[in-house]
C-alpha atoms as a PDB file:
ATOM      1  CA  MET A   1      15.906   2.625  29.015  1.00  0.00           C
ATOM      2  CA  SER A   2      14.849   1.133  25.682  1.00  0.00           C
ATOM      3  CA  PHE A   3      15.513  -2.016  23.656  1.00  0.00           C
ATOM      4  CA  ASN A   4      17.830  -1.708  20.660  1.00  0.00           C
ATOM      5  CA  HIS A   5      15.048  -2.410  18.186  1.00  0.00           C
ATOM      6  CA  GLU A   6      13.080   0.596  19.446  1.00  0.00           C
ATOM      7  CA  ASN A   7      15.766   2.851  17.958  1.00  0.00           C
ATOM      8  CA  LEU A   8      15.140   1.499  14.462  1.00  0.00           C
ATOM      9  CA  THR A   9      12.994   3.673  12.208  1.00  0.00           C
ATOM     10  CA  VAL A  10      11.724   0.556  10.451  1.00  0.00           C
ATOM     11  CA  TYR A  11      10.461  -0.811  13.766  1.00  0.00           C
ATOM     12  CA  GLN A  12       8.533   2.374  14.559  1.00  0.00           C
ATOM     13  CA  ARG A  13       6.965   2.450  11.096  1.00  0.00           C
ATOM     14  CA  THR A  14       6.007  -1.213  11.401  1.00  0.00           C
ATOM     15  CA  LEU A  15       4.457  -0.461  14.786  1.00  0.00           C
ATOM     16  CA  SER A  16       2.302   2.212  13.144  1.00  0.00           C
ATOM     17  CA  PHE A  17       1.267  -0.220  10.383  1.00  0.00           C
ATOM     18  CA  ASN A  18       0.235  -2.748  13.037  1.00  0.00           C
ATOM     19  CA  SER A  19      -1.970  -0.103  14.625  1.00  0.00           C
ATOM     20  CA  THR A  20      -3.730   0.430  11.286  1.00  0.00           C
ATOM     21  CA  VAL A  21      -4.197  -3.320  10.823  1.00  0.00           C
ATOM     22  CA  SER A  22      -5.692  -3.685  14.309  1.00  0.00           C
ATOM     23  CA  ARG A  23      -8.150  -0.872  13.626  1.00  0.00           C
ATOM     24  CA  TRP A  24      -9.257  -2.498  10.367  1.00  0.00           C
ATOM     25  CA  THR A  25      -9.604  -6.095  11.522  1.00  0.00           C
ATOM     26  CA  ILE A  26     -11.748  -5.152  14.524  1.00  0.00           C
ATOM     27  CA  GLN A  27     -14.310  -3.832  12.035  1.00  0.00           C
ATOM     28  CA  TRP A  28     -14.155  -6.725   9.528  1.00  0.00           C
ATOM     29  CA  ASP A  29     -16.373  -9.801   9.563  1.00  0.00           C
ATOM     30  CA  SER A  30     -14.334 -12.619  11.103  1.00  0.00           C
ATOM     31  CA  LYS A  31     -15.467 -15.029   8.360  1.00  0.00           C
ATOM     32  CA  HIS A  32     -12.752 -13.523   6.151  1.00  0.00           C
ATOM     33  CA  ALA A  33      -9.514 -15.491   6.537  1.00  0.00           C
ATOM     34  CA  ILE A  34      -7.413 -12.352   6.103  1.00  0.00           C
ATOM     35  CA  CYS A  35      -8.619 -11.063   9.480  1.00  0.00           C
ATOM     36  CA  ASP A  36      -6.392 -13.622  11.187  1.00  0.00           C
ATOM     37  CA  GLN A  37      -3.725 -13.747   8.490  1.00  0.00           C
ATOM     38  CA  LEU A  38      -3.142 -10.000   8.294  1.00  0.00           C
ATOM     39  CA  LEU A  39      -2.966  -9.618  12.079  1.00  0.00           C
ATOM     40  CA  ARG A  40      -0.523 -12.517  12.328  1.00  0.00           C
ATOM     41  CA  ALA A  41       1.680 -11.372   9.432  1.00  0.00           C
ATOM     42  CA  ALA A  42       1.842  -7.741  10.598  1.00  0.00           C
ATOM     43  CA  GLY A  43       2.737  -8.890  14.104  1.00  0.00           C
ATOM     44  CA  SER A  44       5.371 -11.224  12.666  1.00  0.00           C
ATOM     45  CA  ILE A  45       7.163  -8.321  10.947  1.00  0.00           C
ATOM     46  CA  LEU A  46       7.341  -6.443  14.239  1.00  0.00           C
ATOM     47  CA  GLU A  47       8.440  -9.418  16.352  1.00  0.00           C
ATOM     48  CA  ASN A  48      11.088 -10.618  13.901  1.00  0.00           C
ATOM     49  CA  ILE A  49      12.633  -7.155  13.562  1.00  0.00           C
ATOM     50  CA  ALA A  50      12.862  -7.029  17.362  1.00  0.00           C
ATOM     51  CA  MET A  51      14.379 -10.503  17.639  1.00  0.00           C
ATOM     52  CA  ALA A  52      16.796  -9.930  14.750  1.00  0.00           C
ATOM     53  CA  SER A  53      18.132  -6.771  16.383  1.00  0.00           C
ATOM     54  CA  ALA A  54      18.668  -8.602  19.690  1.00  0.00           C
ATOM     55  CA  THR A  55      20.814 -11.468  18.441  1.00  0.00           C
ATOM     56  CA  TYR A  56      24.359 -11.628  17.089  1.00  0.00           C
ATOM     57  CA  SER A  57      24.108 -15.132  15.661  1.00  0.00           C
ATOM     58  CA  ALA A  58      23.245 -16.319  12.172  1.00  0.00           C
ATOM     59  CA  MET A  59      19.590 -15.918  13.183  1.00  0.00           C
ATOM     60  CA  LYS A  60      20.030 -12.143  12.924  1.00  0.00           C
ATOM     61  CA  VAL A  61      19.761 -12.201   9.134  1.00  0.00           C
ATOM     62  CA  ARG A  62      17.396 -15.181   9.149  1.00  0.00           C
ATOM     63  CA  GLY A  63      15.002 -13.348  11.468  1.00  0.00           C
ATOM     64  CA  LEU A  64      14.983 -10.397   9.103  1.00  0.00           C
ATOM     65  CA  GLU A  65      14.197 -12.745   6.220  1.00  0.00           C
ATOM     66  CA  TYR A  66      11.158 -13.990   8.155  1.00  0.00           C
ATOM     67  CA  ALA A  67      10.078 -10.359   8.574  1.00  0.00           C
ATOM     68  CA  LEU A  68      10.505  -9.737   4.845  1.00  0.00           C
ATOM     69  CA  GLY A  69       8.327 -12.742   4.050  1.00  0.00           C
ATOM     70  CA  SER A  70       5.641 -11.506   6.431  1.00  0.00           C
ATOM     71  CA  CYS A  71       5.761  -8.091   4.782  1.00  0.00           C
ATOM     72  CA  LEU A  72       4.955  -9.715   1.435  1.00  0.00           C
ATOM     73  CA  GLU A  73       2.123 -11.668   3.059  1.00  0.00           C
ATOM     74  CA  CYS A  74       0.682  -8.376   4.299  1.00  0.00           C
ATOM     75  CA  ALA A  75       0.838  -6.916   0.794  1.00  0.00           C
ATOM     76  CA  ALA A  76      -1.147  -9.864  -0.598  1.00  0.00           C
ATOM     77  CA  CYS A  77      -3.639  -9.551   2.276  1.00  0.00           C
ATOM     78  CA  LEU A  78      -4.198  -5.917   1.338  1.00  0.00           C
ATOM     79  CA  ASP A  79      -4.911  -6.901  -2.272  1.00  0.00           C
ATOM     80  CA  LEU A  80      -7.535  -9.359  -1.044  1.00  0.00           C
ATOM     81  CA  ALA A  81      -8.994  -6.805   1.378  1.00  0.00           C
ATOM     82  CA  CYS A  82      -9.506  -4.386  -1.511  1.00  0.00           C
ATOM     83  CA  ILE A  83     -11.064  -7.081  -3.699  1.00  0.00           C
ATOM     84  CA  LYS A  84     -13.462  -7.866  -0.844  1.00  0.00           C
ATOM     85  CA  LYS A  85     -14.174  -4.116  -0.463  1.00  0.00           C
ATOM     86  CA  LEU A  86     -12.947  -4.154   3.128  1.00  0.00           C
ATOM     87  CA  ILE A  87     -10.603  -1.264   2.341  1.00  0.00           C
ATOM     88  CA  THR A  88     -10.735   1.429  -0.332  1.00  0.00           C
ATOM     89  CA  GLN A  89      -8.441   1.721  -3.333  1.00  0.00           C
ATOM     90  CA  ASN A  90      -6.760   4.738  -1.738  1.00  0.00           C
ATOM     91  CA  GLU A  91      -6.182   2.793   1.480  1.00  0.00           C
ATOM     92  CA  LEU A  92      -4.715  -0.059  -0.552  1.00  0.00           C
ATOM     93  CA  ASN A  93      -2.310   2.223  -2.406  1.00  0.00           C
ATOM     94  CA  SER A  94      -1.170   4.261   0.581  1.00  0.00           C
ATOM     95  CA  ASN A  95      -0.593   1.236   2.808  1.00  0.00           C
ATOM     96  CA  LYS A  96       1.152  -0.818   0.127  1.00  0.00           C
ATOM     97  CA  ASP A  97       3.364   2.204  -0.468  1.00  0.00           C
ATOM     98  CA  GLU A  98       4.196   2.216   3.247  1.00  0.00           C
ATOM     99  CA  LEU A  99       4.833  -1.535   3.208  1.00  0.00           C
ATOM    100  CA  SER A 100       7.154  -1.145   0.228  1.00  0.00           C
ATOM    101  CA  GLN A 101       9.171   1.440   2.168  1.00  0.00           C
ATOM    102  CA  ILE A 102       9.319  -0.881   5.192  1.00  0.00           C
ATOM    103  CA  PHE A 103      10.426  -3.701   2.877  1.00  0.00           C
ATOM    104  CA  ARG A 104      13.229  -1.561   1.425  1.00  0.00           C
ATOM    105  CA  MET A 105      14.388  -0.593   4.909  1.00  0.00           C
ATOM    106  CA  MET A 106      14.592  -4.229   5.938  1.00  0.00           C
ATOM    107  CA  MET A 107      16.484  -5.127   2.765  1.00  0.00           C
ATOM    108  CA  GLY A 108      18.976  -2.400   3.643  1.00  0.00           C
ATOM    109  CA  LEU A 109      19.369  -3.816   7.141  1.00  0.00           C
ATOM    110  CA  ARG A 110      19.805  -7.309   5.759  1.00  0.00           C
ATOM    111  CA  ARG A 111      22.654  -6.159   3.518  1.00  0.00           C
ATOM    112  CA  SER A 112      24.217  -4.201   6.362  1.00  0.00           C
ATOM    113  CA  TRP A 113      24.002  -7.055   8.842  1.00  0.00           C
ATOM    114  CA  SER A 114      25.192  -9.603   6.259  1.00  0.00           C
ATOM    115  CA  ASN A 115      28.310  -7.619   5.350  1.00  0.00           C
ATOM    116  CA  SER A 116      29.360  -6.146   8.693  1.00  0.00           C
ATOM    117  CA  SER A 117      30.108  -7.189  12.223  1.00  0.00           C
ATOM    118  CA  MET A 118      26.331  -7.245  12.706  1.00  0.00           C
ATOM    119  CA  SER A 119      26.285  -4.054  14.725  1.00  0.00           C
ATOM    120  CA  LEU A 120      22.946  -2.311  14.981  1.00  0.00           C
ATOM    121  CA  LYS A 121      22.707   0.355  12.279  1.00  0.00           C
ATOM    122  CA  GLU A 122      20.584   1.524   9.399  1.00  0.00           C
ATOM    123  CA  GLU A 123      21.664   2.828   6.003  1.00  0.00           C
ATOM    124  CA  GLN A 124      19.778   6.034   5.321  1.00  0.00           C
ATOM    125  CA  ARG A 125      20.236   5.768   1.567  1.00  0.00           C
ATOM    126  CA  GLU A 126      17.996   2.697   1.608  1.00  0.00           C
ATOM    127  CA  TYR A 127      15.118   4.875   2.780  1.00  0.00           C
ATOM    128  CA  SER A 128      15.397   7.633   0.208  1.00  0.00           C
ATOM    129  CA  THR A 129      13.368   5.911  -2.502  1.00  0.00           C
ATOM    130  CA  LYS A 130      10.606   8.077  -3.884  1.00  0.00           C
ATOM    131  CA  PRO A 131       7.011   7.091  -3.024  1.00  0.00           C
ATOM    132  CA  ILE A 132       5.135   5.362  -5.828  1.00  0.00           C
ATOM    133  CA  LYS A 133       2.276   7.461  -7.118  1.00  0.00           C
ATOM    134  CA  SER A 134      -1.112   6.167  -5.985  1.00  0.00           C
ATOM    135  CA  GLU A 135      -3.165   4.924  -8.917  1.00  0.00           C
ATOM    136  CA  THR A 136      -5.855   2.358  -9.516  1.00  0.00           C
ATOM    137  CA  ILE A 137      -4.915  -1.300  -9.212  1.00  0.00           C
ATOM    138  CA  SER A 138      -5.392  -1.834 -12.955  1.00  0.00           C
ATOM    139  CA  ASN A 139      -2.724   0.618 -14.086  1.00  0.00           C
ATOM    140  CA  ALA A 140      -0.600   1.141 -10.985  1.00  0.00           C
ATOM    141  CA  LYS A 141       3.118   0.569 -11.008  1.00  0.00           C
ATOM    142  CA  PRO A 142       3.744  -2.648  -9.025  1.00  0.00           C
ATOM    143  CA  PHE A 143       4.849  -2.120  -5.429  1.00  0.00           C
ATOM    144  CA  PHE A 144       6.372  -5.620  -5.151  1.00  0.00           C
ATOM    145  CA  HIS A 145       7.941  -8.039  -7.620  1.00  0.00           C
ATOM    146  CA  HIS A 146       5.409 -10.827  -7.042  1.00  0.00           C
ATOM    147  CA  GLU A 147       2.687  -8.551  -8.446  1.00  0.00           C
ATOM    148  CA  THR A 148       4.313  -8.851 -11.889  1.00  0.00           C
ATOM    149  CA  LEU A 149       4.148 -12.665 -11.954  1.00  0.00           C
ATOM    150  CA  ASP A 150       1.579 -14.337 -14.218  1.00  0.00           C
ATOM    151  CA  ILE A 151       0.688 -16.793 -11.460  1.00  0.00           C
ATOM    152  CA  TYR A 152      -0.153 -13.948  -9.081  1.00  0.00           C
ATOM    153  CA  GLN A 153      -2.185 -12.100 -11.697  1.00  0.00           C
ATOM    154  CA  VAL A 154      -4.232 -15.237 -12.408  1.00  0.00           C
ATOM    155  CA  ALA A 155      -4.726 -15.738  -8.663  1.00  0.00           C
ATOM    156  CA  ILE A 156      -5.886 -12.126  -8.255  1.00  0.00           C
ATOM    157  CA  GLY A 157      -8.332 -12.562 -11.130  1.00  0.00           C
ATOM    158  CA  THR A 158      -9.676 -15.759  -9.593  1.00  0.00           C
ATOM    159  CA  ALA A 159     -10.083 -14.063  -6.226  1.00  0.00           C
ATOM    160  CA  SER A 160     -11.906 -11.126  -7.809  1.00  0.00           C
ATOM    161  CA  SER A 161     -14.341 -13.446  -9.589  1.00  0.00           C
ATOM    162  CA  LEU A 162     -14.996 -15.596  -6.522  1.00  0.00           C
ATOM    163  CA  CYS A 163     -15.463 -12.612  -4.205  1.00  0.00           C
ATOM    164  CA  SER A 164     -17.933 -10.941  -6.582  1.00  0.00           C
ATOM    165  CA  SER A 165     -20.136 -14.043  -6.740  1.00  0.00           C
ATOM    166  CA  ALA A 166     -23.453 -13.765  -4.912  1.00  0.00           C
ATOM    167  CA  SER A 167     -23.588 -17.542  -4.438  1.00  0.00           C
ATOM    168  CA  VAL A 168     -20.161 -17.539  -2.769  1.00  0.00           C
ATOM    169  CA  ALA A 169     -21.119 -14.612  -0.537  1.00  0.00           C
ATOM    170  CA  GLY A 170     -24.258 -16.498   0.474  1.00  0.00           C
ATOM    171  CA  LEU A 171     -22.445 -19.633   1.631  1.00  0.00           C
ATOM    172  CA  PRO A 172     -22.906 -20.585   5.305  1.00  0.00           C
ATOM    173  CA  THR A 173     -20.060 -19.065   7.338  1.00  0.00           C
ATOM    174  CA  PRO A 174     -18.162 -22.353   8.030  1.00  0.00           C
ATOM    175  CA  LEU A 175     -18.208 -23.271   4.330  1.00  0.00           C
ATOM    176  CA  PHE A 176     -17.264 -19.773   3.222  1.00  0.00           C
ATOM    177  CA  ARG A 177     -14.428 -19.687   5.745  1.00  0.00           C
ATOM    178  CA  ARG A 178     -12.858 -22.943   4.517  1.00  0.00           C
ATOM    179  CA  MET A 179     -13.070 -21.852   0.884  1.00  0.00           C
ATOM    180  CA  ASP A 180     -11.686 -18.435   1.780  1.00  0.00           C
ATOM    181  CA  GLU A 181      -8.775 -19.945   3.725  1.00  0.00           C
ATOM    182  CA  LEU A 182      -7.679 -21.886   0.640  1.00  0.00           C
ATOM    183  CA  LEU A 183      -8.065 -18.860  -1.634  1.00  0.00           C
ATOM    184  CA  THR A 184      -6.084 -16.716   0.803  1.00  0.00           C
ATOM    185  CA  SER A 185      -3.385 -19.387   1.052  1.00  0.00           C
ATOM    186  CA  ILE A 186      -2.866 -19.320  -2.709  1.00  0.00           C
ATOM    187  CA  LEU A 187      -2.165 -15.593  -2.855  1.00  0.00           C
ATOM    188  CA  LEU A 188      -0.127 -15.346   0.330  1.00  0.00           C
ATOM    189  CA  ASN A 189       2.152 -18.254  -0.532  1.00  0.00           C
ATOM    190  CA  ILE A 190       2.835 -16.899  -4.021  1.00  0.00           C
ATOM    191  CA  ALA A 191       3.781 -13.540  -2.522  1.00  0.00           C
ATOM    192  CA  GLU A 192       5.935 -14.839   0.316  1.00  0.00           C
ATOM    193  CA  GLY A 193       7.522 -17.612  -1.734  1.00  0.00           C
ATOM    194  CA  ASN A 194       8.668 -15.166  -4.394  1.00  0.00           C
ATOM    195  CA  GLY A 195      10.447 -13.146  -1.714  1.00  0.00           C
ATOM    196  CA  ARG A 196      12.396 -16.046  -0.237  1.00  0.00           C
ATOM    197  CA  PHE A 197      16.140 -16.184  -0.860  1.00  0.00           C
ATOM    198  CA  SER A 198      16.700 -19.938  -1.248  1.00  0.00           C
ATOM    199  CA  CYS A 199      15.320 -22.220  -3.947  1.00  0.00           C
ATOM    200  CA  SER A 200      14.187 -24.730  -1.327  1.00  0.00           C
ATOM    201  CA  ASP A 201      12.155 -22.075   0.499  1.00  0.00           C
ATOM    202  CA  GLN A 202      10.635 -20.821  -2.742  1.00  0.00           C
ATOM    203  CA  SER A 203       9.679 -24.359  -3.732  1.00  0.00           C
ATOM    204  CA  ARG A 204       8.112 -25.020  -0.338  1.00  0.00           C
ATOM    205  CA  PHE A 205       5.794 -22.028  -0.640  1.00  0.00           C
ATOM    206  CA  MET A 206       4.972 -22.832  -4.264  1.00  0.00           C
ATOM    207  CA  GLY A 207       4.166 -26.369  -3.135  1.00  0.00           C
ATOM    208  CA  THR A 208       1.616 -24.978  -0.694  1.00  0.00           C
ATOM    209  CA  THR A 209       0.147 -22.825  -3.482  1.00  0.00           C
ATOM    210  CA  HIS A 210      -0.177 -25.932  -5.668  1.00  0.00           C
ATOM    211  CA  GLU A 211      -1.813 -27.885  -2.848  1.00  0.00           C
ATOM    212  CA  SER A 212      -4.254 -25.103  -1.970  1.00  0.00           C
ATOM    213  CA  SER A 213      -5.297 -24.726  -5.616  1.00  0.00           C
ATOM    214  CA  ILE A 214      -6.164 -28.418  -5.895  1.00  0.00           C
ATOM    215  CA  LYS A 215      -7.983 -28.442  -2.554  1.00  0.00           C
ATOM    216  CA  LEU A 216      -9.985 -25.351  -3.504  1.00  0.00           C
ATOM    217  CA  ALA A 217     -11.024 -26.976  -6.792  1.00  0.00           C
ATOM    218  CA  ALA A 218     -12.196 -30.045  -4.858  1.00  0.00           C
ATOM    219  CA  LYS A 219     -14.048 -27.853  -2.354  1.00  0.00           C
ATOM    220  CA  LEU A 220     -15.877 -26.094  -5.186  1.00  0.00           C
ATOM    221  CA  ASP A 221     -16.889 -29.472  -6.654  1.00  0.00           C
ATOM    222  CA  LEU A 222     -18.397 -30.341  -3.293  1.00  0.00           C
ATOM    223  CA  TYR A 223     -20.377 -27.110  -3.186  1.00  0.00           C
ATOM    224  CA  VAL A 224     -21.728 -27.850  -6.668  1.00  0.00           C
ATOM    225  CA  ILE A 225     -23.118 -31.262  -5.708  1.00  0.00           C
ATOM    226  CA  GLN A 226     -24.600 -29.638  -2.605  1.00  0.00           C
ATOM    227  CA  ASP A 227     -26.410 -27.162  -4.907  1.00  0.00           C
ATOM    228  CA  LEU A 228     -24.699 -24.217  -3.236  1.00  0.00           C
ATOM    229  CA  ILE A 229     -22.824 -22.799  -6.256  1.00  0.00           C
ATOM    230  CA  PRO A 230     -23.723 -22.969  -9.998  1.00  0.00           C
ATOM    231  CA  GLU A 231     -21.689 -25.528 -11.914  1.00  0.00           C
ATOM    232  CA  GLU A 232     -20.970 -23.136 -14.795  1.00  0.00           C
ATOM    233  CA  SER A 233     -19.292 -20.643 -12.476  1.00  0.00           C
ATOM    234  CA  VAL A 234     -17.200 -23.387 -10.894  1.00  0.00           C
ATOM    235  CA  LYS A 235     -15.969 -24.578 -14.306  1.00  0.00           C
ATOM    236  CA  ILE A 236     -14.529 -21.120 -14.974  1.00  0.00           C
ATOM    237  CA  TRP A 237     -12.862 -20.914 -11.560  1.00  0.00           C
ATOM    238  CA  LYS A 238     -11.444 -24.412 -11.850  1.00  0.00           C
ATOM    239  CA  THR A 239      -9.853 -23.518 -15.196  1.00  0.00           C
ATOM    240  CA  SER A 240      -7.997 -20.683 -13.471  1.00  0.00           C
ATOM    241  CA  LEU A 241      -7.065 -22.900 -10.513  1.00  0.00           C
ATOM    242  CA  GLU A 242      -5.648 -25.477 -12.921  1.00  0.00           C
ATOM    243  CA  ARG A 243      -3.467 -22.757 -14.477  1.00  0.00           C
ATOM    244  CA  ILE A 244      -2.243 -21.709 -11.030  1.00  0.00           C
ATOM    245  CA  ALA A 245      -1.408 -25.305 -10.092  1.00  0.00           C
ATOM    246  CA  LEU A 246       0.478 -25.850 -13.363  1.00  0.00           C
ATOM    247  CA  MET A 247       2.463 -22.630 -13.011  1.00  0.00           C
ATOM    248  CA  ALA A 248       3.332 -23.483  -9.401  1.00  0.00           C
ATOM    249  CA  SER A 249       4.579 -26.908 -10.507  1.00  0.00           C
ATOM    250  CA  SER A 250       6.646 -25.303 -13.256  1.00  0.00           C
ATOM    251  CA  LEU A 251       8.249 -22.864 -10.805  1.00  0.00           C
ATOM    252  CA  ILE A 252       9.124 -25.753  -8.480  1.00  0.00           C
ATOM    253  CA  ALA A 253      10.676 -27.682 -11.378  1.00  0.00           C
ATOM    254  CA  ASN A 254      12.741 -24.643 -12.407  1.00  0.00           C
ATOM    255  CA  ASN A 255      14.098 -24.317  -8.871  1.00  0.00           C
ATOM    256  CA  GLN A 256      15.095 -27.980  -8.818  1.00  0.00           C
ATOM    257  CA  GLU A 257      17.126 -27.504 -12.012  1.00  0.00           C
ATOM    258  CA  ARG A 258      19.221 -24.691 -10.528  1.00  0.00           C
END
């Protein structure tokens, strides 16, 4: 005897992705915030698919929307993992390709469950999309829409600069962890917020991005006066963080006008 969700191809593929994530995070230094975030987000996809398949209430579609958001979080986590050199470029491409297929499957289920009697079924045509060719991150075709946003590109650039800094890498673990949590929050909330279906949800995630950007700028100021990070480097990072905060505010304002 098996649960209904076990018959879903998307569930089995998500289960396999979770296995990969578990194997990675066991090997990574726990000071990186994505160790916890990636494990949680990958598990959230799996759990919400299972719960969505088990209910026949309005939470069926809502649960799938939670899973979609977690899928986008995972994609942003993978970008950060590659920037931090925790995974290779090939691992990034192949696993984001797999996530994009999982995402498309869930979108197909969402449409099916929204427009039917909510019976358990999958639309095979949703799974027939061709894999995206693996390329380098600089010239690859985007796997997800949020990767095309200016705010995400600025955030990725900021993360790359911060993670390549020897002074940042040399921070004591508690200080590095707090800084890294804020940096991770910026990217993950941009990704998940862009995938939300309501303006209020999108604004909520953009609000967290805005807040994390300001807090990270303040944290960097503190590290400067503690002589932990060069002031010149922080000025450059704060310029990018200011851009992120302004773009997040603009996106929130646009949602309020709709």
